[in-house]
């Protein structure tokens, strides 16, 4: 905290601007998601589940639904598609033979690599007129914002700061 009221006002206005930017960001991300879903249909939405399976390893379907904050029935439909496409396979859960874990296949990893390349190409386009320093500053600050938001949520292994290259 600072004793300087002017500094406090500046920070307050910055938080206000951020408060206005976040809903816009969320609307834009929803628009991108809708566009990609329209282009790739159900496949595109299902493929997002590959990120946590790659990062965290085998997971039960219910745990996967919890991680992505999605309805279990929706995740079930997506998992069925991923299995049909050979991107995920079911493996017996060693701790409970009645249950199964979802495991990403080599084809799933290859699809994940394609998704990453598409994302990076899009971001290269969007940030084409940014300097390297601007991009570095933004990513560092955005990472801090994401960490701060993650810290307010219930424990979520996907929000850890290690190995961000395989997160969604």
Protein backbone atom coordinates (compact mmCIF):
# COMPACT_ATOMS: atom_id res chain seq x y z
CA UNK A 1 0.00 0.00 0.00
CA UNK A 2 1.07 3.54 -0.57
CA UNK A 3 0.44 6.70 1.39
CA UNK A 4 0.25 8.70 -1.83
CA UNK A 5 -3.45 9.24 -2.67
CA UNK A 6 -2.61 10.17 -6.25
CA UNK A 7 -0.88 6.82 -6.76
CA UNK A 8 -3.92 5.08 -5.29
CA UNK A 9 -6.23 6.93 -7.71
CA UNK A 10 -4.06 5.94 -10.66
CA UNK A 11 -4.16 2.29 -9.60
CA UNK A 12 -7.91 2.51 -9.08
CA UNK A 13 -8.44 3.87 -12.57
CA UNK A 14 -6.20 1.10 -13.94
CA UNK A 15 -8.29 -1.52 -12.19
CA UNK A 16 -11.40 0.17 -13.61
CA UNK A 17 -10.01 0.01 -17.14
CA UNK A 18 -9.06 -3.63 -16.64
CA UNK A 19 -12.59 -4.26 -15.37
CA UNK A 20 -13.89 -2.88 -18.67
CA UNK A 21 -11.36 -4.80 -20.78
CA UNK A 22 -12.00 -8.25 -19.30
CA UNK A 23 -15.63 -8.55 -20.47
CA UNK A 24 -14.53 -7.42 -23.94
CA UNK A 25 -11.75 -10.02 -23.89
CA UNK A 26 -14.22 -12.72 -22.83
CA UNK A 27 -16.67 -11.73 -25.61
CA UNK A 28 -13.88 -11.83 -28.19
CA UNK A 29 -12.66 -15.22 -26.97
CA UNK A 30 -16.24 -16.50 -27.12
CA UNK A 31 -16.47 -15.17 -30.68
CA UNK A 32 -13.24 -16.93 -31.64
CA UNK A 33 -14.46 -20.13 -30.03
CA UNK A 34 -17.77 -19.89 -31.89
CA UNK A 35 -15.97 -19.25 -35.17
CA UNK A 36 -13.65 -22.23 -34.66
CA UNK A 37 -16.53 -24.44 -33.59
CA UNK A 38 -18.46 -23.45 -36.73
CA UNK A 39 -15.42 -24.25 -38.87
CA UNK A 40 -14.49 -27.51 -37.16
CA UNK A 41 -17.82 -28.43 -35.64
CA UNK A 42 -17.92 -30.82 -32.74
CA UNK A 43 -14.37 -31.99 -33.51
CA UNK A 44 -12.82 -28.65 -32.60
CA UNK A 45 -14.59 -28.47 -29.24
CA UNK A 46 -13.62 -32.06 -28.44
CA UNK A 47 -9.98 -31.51 -29.38
CA UNK A 48 -9.58 -28.96 -26.58
CA UNK A 49 -9.75 -31.92 -24.16
CA UNK A 50 -6.43 -33.14 -25.53
CA UNK A 51 -4.54 -30.34 -23.75
CA UNK A 52 -5.18 -31.50 -20.15
CA UNK A 53 -4.74 -35.16 -21.11
CA UNK A 54 -1.34 -34.37 -22.56
CA UNK A 55 -0.30 -32.16 -19.67
CA UNK A 56 -1.60 -34.22 -16.76
CA UNK A 57 -1.55 -37.73 -18.16
CA UNK A 58 -4.32 -40.30 -17.89
CA UNK A 59 -7.51 -39.03 -16.26
CA UNK A 60 -10.92 -40.39 -15.47
CA UNK A 61 -13.67 -38.81 -17.53
CA UNK A 62 -15.29 -37.18 -14.49
CA UNK A 63 -12.00 -35.61 -13.42
CA UNK A 64 -11.52 -34.28 -16.95
CA UNK A 65 -14.99 -32.70 -16.87
CA UNK A 66 -14.16 -31.05 -13.54
CA UNK A 67 -10.84 -29.74 -14.86
CA UNK A 68 -12.37 -28.07 -17.88
CA UNK A 69 -15.40 -26.85 -15.93
CA UNK A 70 -17.77 -28.56 -18.36
CA UNK A 71 -20.93 -30.60 -18.04
CA UNK A 72 -20.11 -34.33 -17.73
CA UNK A 73 -22.55 -35.23 -20.52
CA UNK A 74 -20.84 -32.79 -22.91
CA UNK A 75 -17.42 -34.19 -22.02
CA UNK A 76 -18.79 -37.70 -22.51
CA UNK A 77 -19.90 -36.85 -26.07
CA UNK A 78 -16.54 -35.25 -26.80
CA UNK A 79 -14.60 -38.20 -25.39
CA UNK A 80 -16.65 -40.61 -27.52
CA UNK A 81 -15.64 -38.62 -30.60
CA UNK A 82 -11.97 -38.52 -29.56
CA UNK A 83 -11.94 -42.30 -29.05
CA UNK A 84 -13.64 -42.85 -32.43
CA UNK A 85 -11.00 -40.64 -34.07
CA UNK A 86 -8.19 -42.57 -32.39
CA UNK A 87 -6.94 -39.48 -30.53
CA UNK A 88 -7.70 -40.92 -27.09
CA UNK A 89 -7.98 -44.46 -25.79
CA UNK A 90 -9.49 -45.89 -22.65
CA UNK A 91 -7.20 -47.80 -20.30
CA UNK A 92 -8.09 -49.74 -17.17
CA UNK A 93 -7.59 -47.73 -13.99
CA UNK A 94 -4.99 -49.62 -11.98
CA UNK A 95 -6.47 -48.46 -8.67
CA UNK A 96 -10.04 -49.47 -9.62
CA UNK A 97 -10.50 -52.08 -12.32
CA UNK A 98 -14.14 -51.05 -12.81
CA UNK A 99 -13.09 -47.60 -13.97
CA UNK A 100 -11.08 -46.44 -16.94
CA UNK A 101 -8.69 -43.60 -17.60
CA UNK A 102 -8.47 -41.58 -20.78
CA UNK A 103 -5.03 -41.65 -22.39
CA UNK A 104 -3.91 -39.46 -25.29
CA UNK A 105 -2.55 -41.45 -28.26
CA UNK A 106 0.28 -40.53 -30.62
CA UNK A 107 -2.36 -39.39 -33.12
CA UNK A 108 -3.81 -37.22 -30.35
CA UNK A 109 -0.40 -35.68 -29.67
CA UNK A 110 0.00 -34.97 -33.39
CA UNK A 111 -3.42 -33.27 -33.45
CA UNK A 112 -2.43 -31.24 -30.41
CA UNK A 113 0.73 -30.11 -32.21
CA UNK A 114 -1.41 -28.97 -35.16
CA UNK A 115 -3.71 -27.03 -32.82
CA UNK A 116 -0.71 -25.31 -31.22
CA UNK A 117 0.72 -24.36 -34.61
CA UNK A 118 -2.65 -22.87 -35.65
CA UNK A 119 -2.88 -20.91 -32.40
CA UNK A 120 0.67 -19.59 -32.74
CA UNK A 121 0.10 -18.58 -36.39
CA UNK A 122 -3.03 -16.67 -35.35
CA UNK A 123 -1.20 -14.91 -32.51
CA UNK A 124 1.71 -14.04 -34.82
CA UNK A 125 -0.83 -12.37 -37.11
CA UNK A 126 -2.57 -10.50 -34.27
CA UNK A 127 0.71 -9.25 -32.78
CA UNK A 128 2.54 -8.64 -36.06
CA UNK A 129 3.04 -4.93 -35.34
CA UNK A 130 4.23 -5.46 -31.73
CA UNK A 131 7.89 -5.22 -30.83
CA UNK A 132 9.59 -8.16 -29.17
CA UNK A 133 9.77 -6.12 -25.97
CA UNK A 134 6.04 -5.33 -26.07
CA UNK A 135 5.21 -8.99 -26.56
CA UNK A 136 7.52 -10.04 -23.73
CA UNK A 137 6.05 -7.41 -21.37
CA UNK A 138 2.49 -8.34 -22.26
CA UNK A 139 3.02 -12.08 -21.82
CA UNK A 140 4.72 -11.56 -18.45
CA UNK A 141 1.89 -9.33 -17.20
CA UNK A 142 -0.82 -11.56 -18.66
CA UNK A 143 0.79 -14.54 -16.92
CA UNK A 144 0.68 -12.62 -13.63
CA UNK A 145 -3.00 -11.82 -14.20
CA UNK A 146 -3.79 -15.47 -14.94
CA UNK A 147 -1.89 -16.60 -11.83
CA UNK A 148 -3.84 -14.09 -9.75
CA UNK A 149 -7.16 -15.29 -11.14
CA UNK A 150 -6.15 -18.95 -10.70
CA UNK A 151 -5.27 -18.26 -7.07
CA UNK A 152 -8.88 -17.24 -6.41
CA UNK A 153 -10.30 -20.49 -7.81
CA UNK A 154 -10.48 -23.89 -6.15
CA UNK A 155 -7.37 -25.99 -6.62
CA UNK A 156 -6.88 -26.68 -10.32
CA UNK A 157 -3.84 -28.61 -11.60
CA UNK A 158 -4.22 -26.92 -14.99
CA UNK A 159 -3.49 -23.52 -13.46
CA UNK A 160 -0.01 -24.31 -12.14
CA UNK A 161 2.83 -22.18 -13.42
CA UNK A 162 5.04 -25.07 -14.56
CA UNK A 163 5.16 -26.32 -18.15
CA UNK A 164 2.65 -23.90 -19.66
CA UNK A 165 3.45 -25.07 -23.17
CA UNK A 166 0.91 -27.87 -23.02
CA UNK A 167 -1.98 -26.07 -21.36
CA UNK A 168 -5.06 -25.10 -23.15
